[in-house]
Amino acid sequence: MGQKTNPIGNRLGIIRGWDSNWFGGRDYGDKLAEDDKIRKYINARLSRASVSSIIIERSVKLVVITIKTARPGIIIGKGGSEVDKLKEELKKITSKEIQLNIFEIKRPELDAFLVGSSIARQIENRISYRRAIKMSISAAMRINAEGIKIKISGRLNGAEMARSETHKEGRIPLSTFRADIDYALVEAHTTYGRLGVKVWIMKGEVYGKRELSPLVGLSKKQQGGKGNSDAPRRGGNNKSRRRK
């Protein structure tokens, strides 16, 4: 089953939280469409800011948007001017008050979407896909990832027949729910068609109860802005649990 489902959706409610947090009620469809508009707009406007994910929380009159990015300086701008502009633009989409939070990803080599985007951009710039993949794998393993798998599909190097290639290092236990696996699918738009790049990154295992916060992998202190590490949380000792 772990091979057939999205590793993020498979862990929702177990060790991961949702990217949209609100109660739908009768306006569920409108809110869902609005969330999609917000995400598309932010991704298009901040295409150079290395945005990994956008988390949306709603109250009656307030929409809280948290942007996880590897380059927060581009979003913030000089003296926060760019943030204010973005707020005003998002107000026109939602017609509600907007609160923007920006979270910096300290280790982009362990973020599946950013790794996939990096490989896709390199392929678009006509760099060898094998070289791009090997560099990404070595960078992730250097920063203590437990495992990484990258699959690329399409007309590789402009070949007439499409094919798939998989490169893997370490372990990726997809069927283990406590395994903190990040996953992303990114497309590279080349002159000979689209190439699909899938990335799985195993960050570690989560033991004990974990808070299902929308900011996946962040502790309470980090959500308050005191910390910025995006490492998976662990709790307790395995041996002590076995004795119990």
Protein backbone atom coordinates (compact mmCIF):
# COMPACT_ATOMS: atom_id res chain seq x y z
CA MET A 1 0.00 0.00 0.00
CA GLY A 2 2.86 2.39 0.75
CA GLN A 3 3.99 2.20 -2.88
CA LYS A 4 0.58 3.22 -4.27
CA THR A 5 -0.41 6.23 -2.16
CA ASN A 6 0.98 9.73 -1.66
CA PRO A 7 3.34 9.49 1.38
CA ILE A 8 2.05 12.83 2.74
CA GLY A 9 -1.65 11.97 2.46
CA ASN A 10 -0.94 8.54 3.91
CA ARG A 11 0.40 10.14 7.13
CA LEU A 12 -2.23 12.86 7.64
CA GLY A 13 -3.61 12.67 11.15
CA ILE A 14 -0.77 10.39 12.27
CA ILE A 15 2.47 12.38 12.15
CA ARG A 16 1.51 15.18 9.74
CA GLY A 17 -1.02 18.00 9.73
CA TRP A 18 -3.07 19.56 6.94
CA ASP A 19 -1.98 22.50 4.76
CA SER A 20 -5.48 24.05 5.01
CA ASN A 21 -7.04 24.36 8.48
CA TRP A 22 -10.60 25.64 8.72
CA PHE A 23 -14.20 24.53 9.13
CA GLY A 24 -16.02 24.56 5.79
CA GLY A 25 -19.71 24.55 6.63
CA ARG A 26 -21.97 25.59 3.76
CA ASP A 27 -19.24 27.69 2.12
CA TYR A 28 -16.82 24.76 1.83
CA GLY A 29 -16.59 24.92 -1.98
CA ASP A 30 -15.99 28.68 -2.05
CA LYS A 31 -13.25 28.46 0.59
CA LEU A 32 -11.58 25.58 -1.23
CA ALA A 33 -11.57 27.52 -4.51
CA GLU A 34 -10.26 30.60 -2.67
CA ASP A 35 -7.40 28.58 -1.14
CA ASP A 36 -6.48 27.36 -4.62
CA LYS A 37 -6.47 30.95 -5.97
CA ILE A 38 -4.27 32.12 -3.07
CA ARG A 39 -1.73 29.34 -3.61
CA LYS A 40 -1.58 29.84 -7.38
CA TYR A 41 -1.18 33.60 -7.00
CA ILE A 42 1.58 33.36 -4.36
CA ASN A 43 3.48 30.69 -6.32
CA ALA A 44 3.31 32.79 -9.51
CA ARG A 45 4.27 36.06 -7.80
CA LEU A 46 7.05 34.55 -5.68
CA SER A 47 8.42 32.15 -8.29
CA ARG A 48 12.03 33.15 -7.46
CA ALA A 49 11.65 32.96 -3.67
CA SER A 50 11.96 29.14 -3.39
CA VAL A 51 8.52 28.72 -1.80
CA SER A 52 8.07 25.15 -0.54
CA SER A 53 4.53 25.17 0.87
CA ILE A 54 1.72 27.55 1.79
CA ILE A 55 -0.36 26.85 4.91
CA ILE A 56 -3.75 28.54 5.26
CA GLU A 57 -5.76 28.91 8.47
CA ARG A 58 -9.09 30.73 8.70
CA SER A 59 -11.23 32.38 11.35
CA VAL A 60 -14.44 34.37 10.78
CA LYS A 61 -12.78 37.55 9.47
CA LEU A 62 -9.10 36.65 9.32
CA VAL A 63 -7.02 34.49 6.96
CA VAL A 64 -3.60 33.47 8.33
CA ILE A 65 -1.16 32.49 5.57
CA THR A 66 2.19 30.91 6.46
CA ILE A 67 4.76 30.72 3.68
CA LYS A 68 7.64 28.25 4.05
CA THR A 69 10.55 29.49 1.96
CA ALA A 70 14.31 29.07 1.63
CA ARG A 71 14.76 32.76 0.66
CA PRO A 72 12.70 34.93 3.03
CA GLY A 73 14.57 38.12 2.14
CA ILE A 74 12.96 38.21 -1.32
CA ILE A 75 9.46 38.01 0.19
CA ILE A 76 10.08 40.52 3.00
CA GLY A 77 11.90 43.16 0.93
CA LYS A 78 13.47 46.32 2.31
CA GLY A 79 11.86 47.19 5.64
CA GLY A 80 9.00 44.77 4.99
CA SER A 81 7.71 46.73 2.00
CA GLU A 82 7.15 43.65 -0.18
CA VAL A 83 5.13 41.92 2.56
CA ASP A 84 2.76 44.90 2.79
CA LYS A 85 2.27 44.89 -0.98
CA LEU A 86 1.55 41.16 -0.98
CA LYS A 87 -0.98 41.59 1.85
CA GLU A 88 -2.89 44.24 -0.09
CA GLU A 89 -2.93 42.08 -3.21
CA LEU A 90 -4.23 39.05 -1.27
CA LYS A 91 -6.95 41.18 0.35
CA LYS A 92 -8.42 41.78 -3.11
CA ILE A 93 -8.64 38.01 -3.69
CA THR A 94 -10.20 37.10 -0.32
CA SER A 95 -11.97 40.35 0.74
CA LYS A 96 -10.79 39.57 4.29
CA GLU A 97 -8.02 40.65 6.64
CA ILE A 98 -4.74 38.89 5.89
CA GLN A 99 -2.00 37.92 8.33
CA LEU A 100 1.24 36.78 6.70
CA ASN A 101 3.81 34.63 8.50
CA ILE A 102 7.10 33.77 6.81
CA PHE A 103 9.04 30.70 7.94
CA GLU A 104 12.60 30.18 6.77
CA ILE A 105 13.68 26.69 5.71
CA LYS A 106 17.21 26.39 7.06
CA ARG A 107 18.04 23.18 5.18
CA PRO A 108 16.50 23.27 1.67
CA GLU A 109 18.44 20.08 0.79
CA LEU A 110 15.95 18.17 2.99
CA ASP A 111 12.82 19.67 1.43
CA ALA A 112 11.44 17.41 -1.31
CA PHE A 113 9.75 20.20 -3.30
CA LEU A 114 12.85 22.41 -3.32
CA VAL A 115 15.08 19.46 -4.31
CA GLY A 116 12.69 18.54 -7.15
CA SER A 117 12.47 22.17 -8.31
CA SER A 118 16.26 22.46 -8.32
CA ILE A 119 16.60 19.33 -10.49
CA ALA A 120 13.83 20.51 -12.86
CA ARG A 121 15.43 23.96 -13.31
CA GLN A 122 18.82 22.38 -14.04
CA ILE A 123 17.28 20.07 -16.66
CA GLU A 124 15.57 23.09 -18.28
CA ASN A 125 19.00 24.73 -18.47
CA ARG A 126 20.27 21.64 -20.34
CA ILE A 127 22.39 20.23 -17.54
CA SER A 128 22.64 16.42 -17.52
CA TYR A 129 19.78 14.98 -15.45
CA ARG A 130 22.05 12.26 -14.01
CA ARG A 131 24.51 14.86 -12.75
CA ALA A 132 21.72 16.99 -11.23
CA ILE A 133 20.19 13.96 -9.46
CA LYS A 134 23.53 12.69 -8.09
CA MET A 135 24.40 16.15 -6.73
CA SER A 136 21.01 16.40 -4.98
CA ILE A 137 21.35 12.92 -3.46
CA SER A 138 24.87 13.58 -2.15
CA ALA A 139 23.81 16.97 -0.70
CA ALA A 140 20.83 15.42 1.16
CA MET A 141 22.88 12.51 2.55
CA ARG A 142 25.59 14.95 3.66
CA ILE A 143 23.01 16.76 5.83
CA ASN A 144 22.05 13.53 7.62
CA ALA A 145 19.02 12.43 5.61
CA GLU A 146 18.29 8.76 6.33
CA GLY A 147 17.40 8.11 2.71
CA ILE A 148 16.45 9.75 -0.57
CA LYS A 149 14.86 8.42 -3.76
CA ILE A 150 14.47 10.37 -7.01
CA LYS A 151 12.50 9.10 -10.02
CA ILE A 152 12.55 10.94 -13.35
CA SER A 153 10.23 10.07 -16.23
CA GLY A 154 9.75 11.28 -19.80
CA ARG A 155 11.85 11.77 -22.92
CA LEU A 156 15.19 11.74 -21.13
CA ASN A 157 17.91 13.54 -23.12
CA GLY A 158 15.37 14.03 -25.91
CA ALA A 159 15.00 10.31 -26.67
CA GLU A 160 12.13 9.24 -28.95
CA MET A 161 10.86 6.68 -26.44
CA ALA A 162 9.90 7.92 -22.96
CA ARG A 163 11.29 5.97 -20.02
CA SER A 164 11.80 6.19 -16.25
CA GLU A 165 14.97 6.12 -14.17
CA THR A 166 15.16 5.77 -10.39
CA HIS A 167 18.14 6.74 -8.22
CA LYS A 168 18.14 5.84 -4.54
CA GLU A 169 20.40 6.00 -1.51
CA GLY A 170 19.65 5.05 2.11
CA ARG A 171 16.25 3.74 3.18
CA ILE A 172 12.70 4.90 2.34
CA PRO A 173 10.21 2.81 4.41
CA LEU A 174 6.98 3.98 2.71
CA SER A 175 4.73 1.57 4.65
CA THR A 176 5.97 2.72 8.07
CA PHE A 177 3.62 5.45 9.32
CA ARG A 178 6.06 6.76 11.93
CA ALA A 179 8.65 7.43 9.20
CA ASP A 180 8.79 11.17 8.43
CA ILE A 181 8.92 11.06 4.61
CA ASP A 182 8.65 14.22 2.54
CA TYR A 183 7.40 13.84 -1.04
CA ALA A 184 6.98 16.11 -4.07
CA LEU A 185 6.24 15.92 -7.78
CA VAL A 186 7.73 18.66 -9.98
CA GLU A 187 7.65 19.04 -13.77
CA ALA A 188 10.51 20.23 -15.97
CA HIS A 189 9.33 21.98 -19.16
CA THR A 190 11.85 21.23 -21.91
CA THR A 191 11.88 21.77 -25.69
CA TYR A 192 11.13 18.05 -26.21
CA GLY A 193 8.25 17.83 -23.71
CA ARG A 194 7.67 17.61 -19.98
CA LEU A 195 9.74 15.52 -17.62
CA GLY A 196 8.29 14.46 -14.26
CA VAL A 197 10.59 14.49 -11.23
CA LYS A 198 9.42 12.67 -8.08
CA VAL A 199 11.38 13.05 -4.83
CA TRP A 200 11.08 11.09 -1.57
CA ILE A 201 13.22 12.15 1.43
CA MET A 202 13.34 10.16 4.67
CA LYS A 203 14.10 12.59 7.54
CA GLY A 204 13.82 10.18 10.49
CA GLU A 205 11.20 8.43 12.62
CA VAL A 206 8.72 10.08 14.97
CA TYR A 207 8.24 8.28 18.30
CA GLY A 208 5.63 9.17 20.89
CA LYS A 209 2.77 11.60 20.40
CA ARG A 210 3.36 14.41 17.96
CA GLU A 211 1.33 17.62 17.70
CA LEU A 212 -0.53 17.68 14.39
CA SER A 213 0.32 21.29 13.69
CA PRO A 214 -0.21 22.78 10.22
CA LEU A 215 3.46 23.75 10.38
CA VAL A 216 4.71 20.21 9.90
CA GLY A 217 7.89 19.45 11.81
CA LEU A 218 7.80 22.57 13.98
CA SER A 219 7.52 22.61 17.76
CA LYS A 220 5.46 25.14 19.76
CA LYS A 221 8.51 27.31 20.37
CA GLN A 222 9.33 27.37 16.68
CA GLN A 223 5.79 28.40 15.76
CA GLY A 224 6.17 31.33 18.12
CA GLY A 225 9.21 32.42 16.11
CA LYS A 226 11.91 31.40 18.60
CA GLY A 227 13.43 28.70 16.43
CA ASN A 228 13.84 27.89 12.76
CA SER A 229 15.08 24.31 12.51
CA ASP A 230 12.90 22.05 10.37
CA ALA A 231 14.30 18.78 11.75
CA PRO A 232 11.82 16.06 12.72
CA ARG A 233 10.94 15.84 16.40
CA ARG A 234 11.67 12.71 18.41
CA GLY A 235 10.42 11.91 21.85
CA GLY A 236 11.53 9.39 24.46
CA ASN A 237 13.66 6.29 24.33
CA ASN A 238 12.80 3.12 22.37
CA LYS A 239 14.12 0.76 25.06
CA SER A 240 12.03 2.28 27.84
CA ARG A 241 8.89 1.85 25.73
CA ARG A 242 9.61 -1.79 25.05
CA ARG A 243 9.94 -2.54 28.74
CA LYS A 244 6.53 -1.01 29.42
